[in-house]
Amino acid sequence: METVMYHKKGDVAIVQFHRPTVRNAVNQQMMSELEQLLSEWEQDPQIKIIVFQGDKNAFVSGGDLEEFHQLHTCAEIEPIMKRMGGILERIHQLPALTIARVEGPAVGGGCEIAMSCDWVVASDHATLGMIQVRLGITTGWGGAARLMKKVGSSTAMNILLSGKRYSAREGMELGMVDFLLDEEDKSFEDQFDHWLHPYTKLSCSLIRHYKQLAKQVEKGASSSELFEREATKCGLLWETEEHRLAVDSFLIRRGR
């Protein structure tokens, strides 16, 4: 692969957008490589966390305007937009926990990618923004709808129509950023690894259960529809050795 770098640390997958000369802008080759990876992830029951990251200069700067600006009509560009929108929807629906690790700018399509993930974890130096209106267009990859679900329609409308770039701290206040890491004492990479570590210790079954539950709630399912599923899952995990050992450890610490 040329436009993304990919490796696994145990059951955690790391994906780095890698087109540094154009600030990691998305082109059709990157779409093809992401589709290839998605086909692998969707079939891998062992992956529990997928981290998407860029570099200090950019998370993703959006679509590659030099490549896409060669297309002049709706008939030419719409299939490209739908293709990338489908990729982001597949990311959004993955059973694994997805995290956008944002160290630099995530603007335009880059912000849409971040919004397709379950969590956005940002550096103090990161910026985010749906800047498409500055180019006289709307979001094209489904990012507006996901932003509206994440921060509420009123706040999202302001973000979308202003075309403003927000600091990571402003993004946190607006609800675009879920976790803001302070780099005062350690590098962002070290801070992120420290922050991520507790989640890597959780079982794949636990993470995937809550991810599936969240998707059902997103679709409008009520607690009356879901409580039996929660009870069944809890009962199945109650039988496991992991649960028995955890309870024994807790009782020992309490001084049973």
Protein backbone atom coordinates (compact mmCIF):
# COMPACT_ATOMS: atom_id res chain seq x y z
CA MET A 1 0.00 0.00 0.00
CA GLU A 2 1.21 3.50 -0.83
CA THR A 3 -1.31 6.01 0.50
CA VAL A 4 -1.95 4.38 3.89
CA MET A 5 0.44 2.65 6.26
CA TYR A 6 -1.05 -0.21 8.25
CA HIS A 7 0.09 -2.44 11.06
CA LYS A 8 -1.33 -4.30 14.04
CA LYS A 9 -0.27 -4.29 17.68
CA GLY A 10 -1.93 -7.43 18.95
CA ASP A 11 -5.67 -6.87 18.48
CA VAL A 12 -5.32 -3.11 17.82
CA ALA A 13 -5.05 -1.95 14.20
CA ILE A 14 -3.21 1.28 13.36
CA VAL A 15 -3.92 3.05 10.07
CA GLN A 16 -1.85 6.07 9.07
CA PHE A 17 -2.88 8.23 6.15
CA HIS A 18 0.32 8.70 4.18
CA ARG A 19 0.35 11.30 1.41
CA PRO A 20 2.57 13.86 3.15
CA THR A 21 3.24 15.98 0.07
CA VAL A 22 -0.48 16.86 -0.16
CA ARG A 23 -1.23 16.85 3.59
CA ASN A 24 -2.73 13.35 3.37
CA ALA A 25 -5.46 14.38 0.93
CA VAL A 26 -7.79 11.58 -0.18
CA ASN A 27 -7.53 10.39 -3.77
CA GLN A 28 -9.03 7.39 -5.52
CA GLN A 29 -5.99 5.23 -4.79
CA MET A 30 -6.45 5.89 -1.07
CA MET A 31 -10.11 4.93 -1.44
CA SER A 32 -9.11 1.62 -3.02
CA GLU A 33 -6.61 0.89 -0.26
CA LEU A 34 -9.14 1.74 2.46
CA GLU A 35 -11.72 -0.53 0.81
CA GLN A 36 -9.17 -3.34 0.83
CA LEU A 37 -8.50 -2.83 4.54
CA LEU A 38 -12.20 -2.61 5.35
CA SER A 39 -12.84 -5.96 3.71
CA GLU A 40 -10.17 -7.42 6.00
CA TRP A 41 -11.44 -5.75 9.19
CA GLU A 42 -15.07 -6.71 8.61
CA GLN A 43 -14.03 -10.38 8.55
CA ASP A 44 -11.57 -10.28 11.46
CA PRO A 45 -13.29 -11.08 14.79
CA GLN A 46 -10.05 -10.47 16.73
CA ILE A 47 -9.65 -6.74 16.03
CA LYS A 48 -11.15 -4.74 18.86
CA ILE A 49 -9.77 -1.22 18.25
CA ILE A 50 -8.87 0.59 15.01
CA VAL A 51 -6.92 3.85 15.23
CA PHE A 52 -6.89 6.25 12.27
CA GLN A 53 -4.12 8.83 12.28
CA GLY A 54 -2.21 11.25 10.09
CA ASP A 55 0.87 13.18 11.19
CA LYS A 56 1.77 16.48 12.84
CA ASN A 57 1.16 18.39 9.62
CA ALA A 58 -2.29 17.00 8.94
CA PHE A 59 -4.75 14.29 9.92
CA VAL A 60 -6.37 14.54 6.48
CA SER A 61 -6.73 17.81 4.59
CA GLY A 62 -9.80 16.64 2.65
CA GLY A 63 -10.21 15.43 -0.89
CA ASP A 64 -7.39 15.83 -3.40
CA LEU A 65 -8.59 18.93 -5.24
CA GLU A 66 -5.92 18.64 -7.92
CA GLU A 67 -7.24 15.19 -8.87
CA PHE A 68 -10.94 15.81 -8.33
CA HIS A 69 -10.97 19.28 -9.90
CA GLN A 70 -10.47 17.59 -13.27
CA LEU A 71 -14.10 16.43 -12.93
CA HIS A 72 -16.55 19.18 -13.89
CA THR A 73 -20.06 17.73 -13.79
CA CYS A 74 -22.32 16.21 -11.18
CA ALA A 75 -22.40 13.00 -13.21
CA GLU A 76 -18.61 12.79 -12.96
CA ILE A 77 -18.08 13.72 -9.29
CA GLU A 78 -21.17 12.22 -7.63
CA PRO A 79 -19.99 8.58 -7.91
CA ILE A 80 -16.67 9.57 -6.29
CA MET A 81 -18.48 11.29 -3.43
CA LYS A 82 -20.79 8.30 -2.94
CA ARG A 83 -17.83 5.93 -3.00
CA MET A 84 -16.01 7.76 -0.19
CA GLY A 85 -19.27 8.23 1.68
CA GLY A 86 -19.76 4.47 1.52
CA ILE A 87 -16.26 3.92 2.88
CA LEU A 88 -16.97 6.20 5.85
CA GLU A 89 -20.30 4.48 6.49
CA ARG A 90 -18.48 1.14 6.56
CA ILE A 91 -16.02 2.61 9.07
CA HIS A 92 -18.94 3.93 11.12
CA GLN A 93 -20.57 0.47 11.17
CA LEU A 94 -17.45 -1.54 12.03
CA PRO A 95 -17.91 -3.79 15.08
CA ALA A 96 -14.53 -2.67 16.45
CA LEU A 97 -14.09 0.57 18.40
CA THR A 98 -12.82 3.24 15.98
CA ILE A 99 -10.70 6.19 17.07
CA ALA A 100 -9.56 9.24 15.11
CA ARG A 101 -6.16 10.25 16.54
CA VAL A 102 -5.91 13.88 15.43
CA GLU A 103 -2.60 15.67 15.85
CA GLY A 104 -2.80 18.23 13.03
CA PRO A 105 -5.59 19.78 10.93
CA ALA A 106 -8.67 17.64 10.21
CA VAL A 107 -10.65 19.88 7.89
CA GLY A 108 -13.20 19.41 5.13
CA GLY A 109 -13.22 15.74 4.21
CA GLY A 110 -10.68 15.12 6.98
CA CYS A 111 -13.24 16.29 9.52
CA GLU A 112 -15.80 14.02 7.88
CA ILE A 113 -13.45 11.07 8.38
CA ALA A 114 -12.98 11.99 12.04
CA MET A 115 -16.75 12.21 12.56
CA SER A 116 -17.18 8.68 11.17
CA CYS A 117 -15.18 7.28 14.10
CA ASP A 118 -16.59 6.47 17.52
CA TRP A 119 -14.18 8.81 19.30
CA VAL A 120 -12.03 11.75 18.31
CA VAL A 121 -8.87 12.08 20.42
CA ALA A 122 -7.04 15.32 19.72
CA SER A 123 -3.78 17.06 20.43
CA ASP A 124 -3.68 20.65 21.69
CA HIS A 125 -2.31 21.55 18.25
CA ALA A 126 -5.13 19.95 16.27
CA THR A 127 -7.75 21.93 14.37
CA LEU A 128 -11.08 20.75 13.00
CA GLY A 129 -13.58 22.28 10.65
CA MET A 130 -16.20 21.61 8.02
CA ILE A 131 -14.81 24.21 5.62
CA GLN A 132 -16.63 23.02 2.49
CA VAL A 133 -18.82 26.15 2.32
CA ARG A 134 -15.66 28.18 1.65
CA LEU A 135 -15.40 26.27 -1.63
CA GLY A 136 -19.06 26.76 -2.44
CA ILE A 137 -20.01 23.11 -1.77
CA THR A 138 -21.51 20.99 0.99
CA THR A 139 -20.09 17.97 2.74
CA GLY A 140 -20.06 15.09 0.27
CA TRP A 141 -19.17 12.04 2.36
CA GLY A 142 -22.00 11.92 4.91
CA GLY A 143 -20.15 14.03 7.46
CA ALA A 144 -22.94 16.55 8.06
CA ALA A 145 -25.43 13.91 9.21
CA ARG A 146 -22.86 12.27 11.49
CA LEU A 147 -21.89 15.65 12.93
CA MET A 148 -25.56 16.41 13.64
CA LYS A 149 -25.91 13.13 15.54
CA LYS A 150 -22.72 13.85 17.47
CA VAL A 151 -23.23 17.47 18.54
CA GLY A 152 -26.91 18.15 17.83
CA SER A 153 -28.43 19.70 14.72
CA SER A 154 -28.35 23.34 15.88
CA THR A 155 -24.66 23.32 16.82
CA ALA A 156 -23.81 21.31 13.71
CA MET A 157 -25.61 23.80 11.46
CA ASN A 158 -23.46 26.60 12.85
CA ILE A 159 -20.27 24.56 12.34
CA LEU A 160 -21.27 23.67 8.79
CA LEU A 161 -22.45 27.10 7.69
CA SER A 162 -19.64 29.09 9.31
CA GLY A 163 -16.89 27.15 7.53
CA LYS A 164 -14.78 27.95 10.56
CA ARG A 165 -11.67 26.11 11.73
CA TYR A 166 -11.84 25.32 15.42
CA SER A 167 -9.03 24.68 17.86
CA ALA A 168 -9.06 21.31 19.57
CA ARG A 169 -10.23 22.97 22.77
CA GLU A 170 -13.09 24.70 20.95
CA GLY A 171 -13.90 21.38 19.30
CA MET A 172 -14.06 19.77 22.73
CA GLU A 173 -16.49 22.43 23.95
CA LEU A 174 -18.67 21.93 20.86
CA GLY A 175 -18.66 18.14 21.18
CA MET A 176 -16.61 17.41 18.06
CA VAL A 177 -13.66 16.19 20.15
CA ASP A 178 -14.20 13.49 22.78
CA PHE A 179 -10.78 13.52 24.48
CA LEU A 180 -8.19 16.29 24.51
CA LEU A 181 -4.66 15.27 25.48
CA ASP A 182 -2.30 17.75 27.10
CA GLU A 183 1.22 17.57 25.66
CA GLU A 184 2.87 19.69 28.36
CA ASP A 185 4.88 16.85 29.92
CA LYS A 186 4.93 14.14 27.23
CA SER A 187 4.71 13.85 23.46
CA PHE A 188 1.30 13.38 21.91
CA GLU A 189 2.26 9.84 20.90
CA ASP A 190 3.18 8.95 24.48
CA GLN A 191 0.07 10.64 25.84
CA PHE A 192 -2.12 8.80 23.35
CA ASP A 193 -0.56 5.41 24.09
CA HIS A 194 -1.03 6.01 27.82
CA TRP A 195 -4.66 7.05 27.27
CA LEU A 196 -5.39 4.07 25.00
CA HIS A 197 -3.77 1.42 27.20
CA PRO A 198 -6.75 0.69 29.53
CA TYR A 199 -9.04 0.06 26.56
CA THR A 200 -6.59 -2.42 25.04
CA LYS A 201 -6.98 -4.52 28.20
CA LEU A 202 -10.73 -4.96 27.70
CA SER A 203 -11.98 -8.09 25.98
CA CYS A 204 -13.05 -7.93 22.38
CA SER A 205 -16.47 -9.25 23.41
CA LEU A 206 -17.08 -6.36 25.81
CA ILE A 207 -16.09 -3.70 23.31
CA ARG A 208 -18.12 -5.19 20.48
CA HIS A 209 -21.20 -5.60 22.68
CA TYR A 210 -21.27 -1.92 23.63
CA LYS A 211 -20.52 -0.90 20.03
CA GLN A 212 -23.48 -2.95 18.79
CA LEU A 213 -25.69 -1.52 21.54
CA ALA A 214 -24.70 2.02 20.60
CA LYS A 215 -25.63 1.39 16.96
CA GLN A 216 -29.05 0.08 18.00
CA VAL A 217 -29.64 3.17 20.15
CA GLU A 218 -28.55 5.38 17.23
CA LYS A 219 -31.22 3.70 15.11
CA GLY A 220 -33.87 4.62 17.69
CA ALA A 221 -34.13 1.42 19.74
CA SER A 222 -35.47 2.04 23.25
CA SER A 223 -34.31 0.61 26.56
CA SER A 224 -37.45 -1.56 26.64
CA GLU A 225 -36.28 -3.18 23.39
CA LEU A 226 -32.69 -3.65 24.53
CA PHE A 227 -32.73 -4.60 28.23
CA GLU A 228 -33.17 -8.30 27.52
CA ARG A 229 -30.15 -8.26 25.20
CA GLU A 230 -28.10 -6.62 27.96
CA ALA A 231 -29.25 -9.24 30.46
CA THR A 232 -28.34 -12.10 28.14
CA LYS A 233 -24.90 -10.69 27.37
CA CYS A 234 -24.18 -10.08 31.05
CA GLY A 235 -25.27 -13.65 31.83
CA LEU A 236 -22.98 -15.12 29.19
CA LEU A 237 -20.01 -13.14 30.47
CA TRP A 238 -20.91 -14.09 34.06
CA GLU A 239 -19.94 -17.67 33.21
CA THR A 240 -16.45 -16.76 32.04
CA GLU A 241 -13.17 -17.35 33.84
CA GLU A 242 -12.30 -13.68 33.30
CA HIS A 243 -15.31 -12.62 35.38
CA ARG A 244 -14.61 -15.10 38.20
CA LEU A 245 -10.97 -14.04 38.45
CA ALA A 246 -11.91 -10.35 38.45
CA VAL A 247 -14.43 -10.87 41.27
CA ASP A 248 -11.94 -12.89 43.30
CA SER A 249 -9.34 -10.14 42.87
CA PHE A 250 -11.85 -7.49 43.91
CA LEU A 251 -12.85 -9.41 47.05
CA ILE A 252 -9.21 -9.97 48.02
CA ARG A 253 -8.46 -6.24 47.66
CA ARG A 254 -11.52 -5.46 49.77
CA GLY A 255 -10.20 -7.79 52.47
CA ARG A 256 -12.70 -10.63 52.29
